[in-house]
Amino acid sequence: NLTNTTADVYVTSVSTRTSQLRYRIKGETEYLYQPKVGFEGSARLKDLQPGTTYELSARILCADSTQQEDWSEAKEFTTKDCLIPLGGD
């Protein structure tokens, strides 16, 4: 679910593991990291810029950090460009 400044991300994992999300404005180098997301959970990315394309990737967290999973391929999404969202946005 997208508005002009938020994005709701739903995580569906093939295991009962906890996930982590990272996102950035497309083309930027620095990521912002979202706190852990539980199995079959969701997260709300806030304070996004209206009308901006972001890259989002995820990974499953491992208890042993030496066996940490790699980040997934980035998925893109673009926030809405309106200043005041309409009902249902």
Protein backbone atom coordinates (compact mmCIF):
# COMPACT_ATOMS: atom_id res chain seq x y z
CA ASN A 1 0.00 0.00 0.00
CA LEU A 2 1.48 3.33 -1.08
CA THR A 3 0.69 6.92 -0.21
CA ASN A 4 2.75 10.02 -0.88
CA THR A 5 4.94 9.51 2.22
CA THR A 6 4.47 5.88 3.38
CA ALA A 7 4.69 2.34 2.02
CA ASP A 8 3.32 -0.77 3.73
CA VAL A 9 5.49 -3.81 2.99
CA TYR A 10 4.18 -7.32 3.62
CA VAL A 11 6.71 -10.07 4.21
CA THR A 12 5.94 -13.68 3.36
CA SER A 13 8.78 -16.01 4.28
CA VAL A 14 9.24 -19.65 3.33
CA SER A 15 10.31 -20.35 6.89
CA THR A 16 9.45 -19.04 10.32
CA ARG A 17 12.45 -16.74 10.28
CA THR A 18 12.62 -13.04 11.04
CA SER A 19 13.41 -10.70 8.14
CA GLN A 20 15.08 -7.32 7.78
CA LEU A 21 14.32 -4.67 5.16
CA ARG A 22 16.51 -1.98 3.67
CA TYR A 23 15.54 0.76 1.24
CA ARG A 24 16.97 3.79 -0.49
CA ILE A 25 16.10 6.35 -3.12
CA LYS A 26 16.91 4.83 -6.50
CA GLY A 27 20.45 5.71 -7.52
CA GLU A 28 21.58 6.70 -4.00
CA THR A 29 24.29 4.74 -2.21
CA GLU A 30 23.15 4.86 1.42
CA TYR A 31 20.42 2.53 2.68
CA LEU A 32 17.92 3.06 5.47
CA TYR A 33 17.24 -0.04 7.54
CA GLN A 34 13.88 -1.11 8.90
CA PRO A 35 13.70 -2.93 12.24
CA LYS A 36 13.10 -6.65 12.18
CA VAL A 37 9.91 -7.98 10.61
CA GLY A 38 8.45 -11.19 12.02
CA PHE A 39 7.35 -14.19 10.00
CA GLU A 40 4.33 -13.28 7.83
CA GLY A 41 4.58 -9.73 9.19
CA SER A 42 4.45 -6.23 7.79
CA ALA A 43 6.34 -2.99 8.13
CA ARG A 44 5.49 0.63 7.39
CA LEU A 45 8.19 2.75 5.76
CA LYS A 46 7.56 6.35 6.83
CA ASP A 47 8.74 9.84 5.93
CA LEU A 48 9.25 8.98 2.26
CA GLN A 49 9.47 11.71 -0.38
CA PRO A 50 6.38 12.18 -2.60
CA GLY A 51 6.77 11.09 -6.23
CA THR A 52 10.07 9.34 -5.59
CA THR A 53 11.25 5.91 -6.73
CA TYR A 54 12.79 3.71 -4.06
CA GLU A 55 14.66 0.40 -4.11
CA LEU A 56 13.73 -2.17 -1.47
CA SER A 57 15.44 -5.44 -0.57
CA ALA A 58 15.14 -7.96 2.25
CA ARG A 59 17.03 -10.79 3.91
CA ILE A 60 16.33 -13.48 6.45
CA LEU A 61 18.19 -12.92 9.71
CA CYS A 62 20.29 -15.74 11.13
CA ALA A 63 21.18 -16.22 14.79
CA ASP A 64 24.76 -16.89 13.71
CA SER A 65 25.91 -13.71 11.93
CA THR A 66 28.73 -15.65 10.20
CA GLN A 67 26.02 -17.47 8.22
CA GLN A 68 24.00 -14.35 7.39
CA GLU A 69 21.78 -14.52 4.31
CA ASP A 70 22.44 -12.22 1.35
CA TRP A 71 20.09 -9.36 0.49
CA SER A 72 17.42 -10.14 -2.11
CA GLU A 73 17.26 -8.50 -5.51
CA ALA A 74 15.98 -4.94 -5.20
CA LYS A 75 12.34 -4.24 -5.99
CA GLU A 76 11.29 -0.76 -7.01
CA PHE A 77 8.28 1.25 -5.93
CA THR A 78 7.28 4.88 -6.45
CA THR A 79 5.40 6.95 -3.91
CA LYS A 80 2.36 8.93 -4.99
CA ASP A 81 2.99 12.48 -6.08
CA CYS A 82 -0.06 14.15 -4.52
CA LEU A 83 0.30 16.41 -1.50
CA ILE A 84 -3.00 15.38 0.09
CA PRO A 85 -3.95 11.73 -0.56
CA LEU A 86 -7.57 10.96 -1.35
CA GLY A 87 -9.55 8.47 0.71
CA GLY A 88 -8.42 4.96 -0.14
CA ASP A 89 -4.88 5.95 -1.11
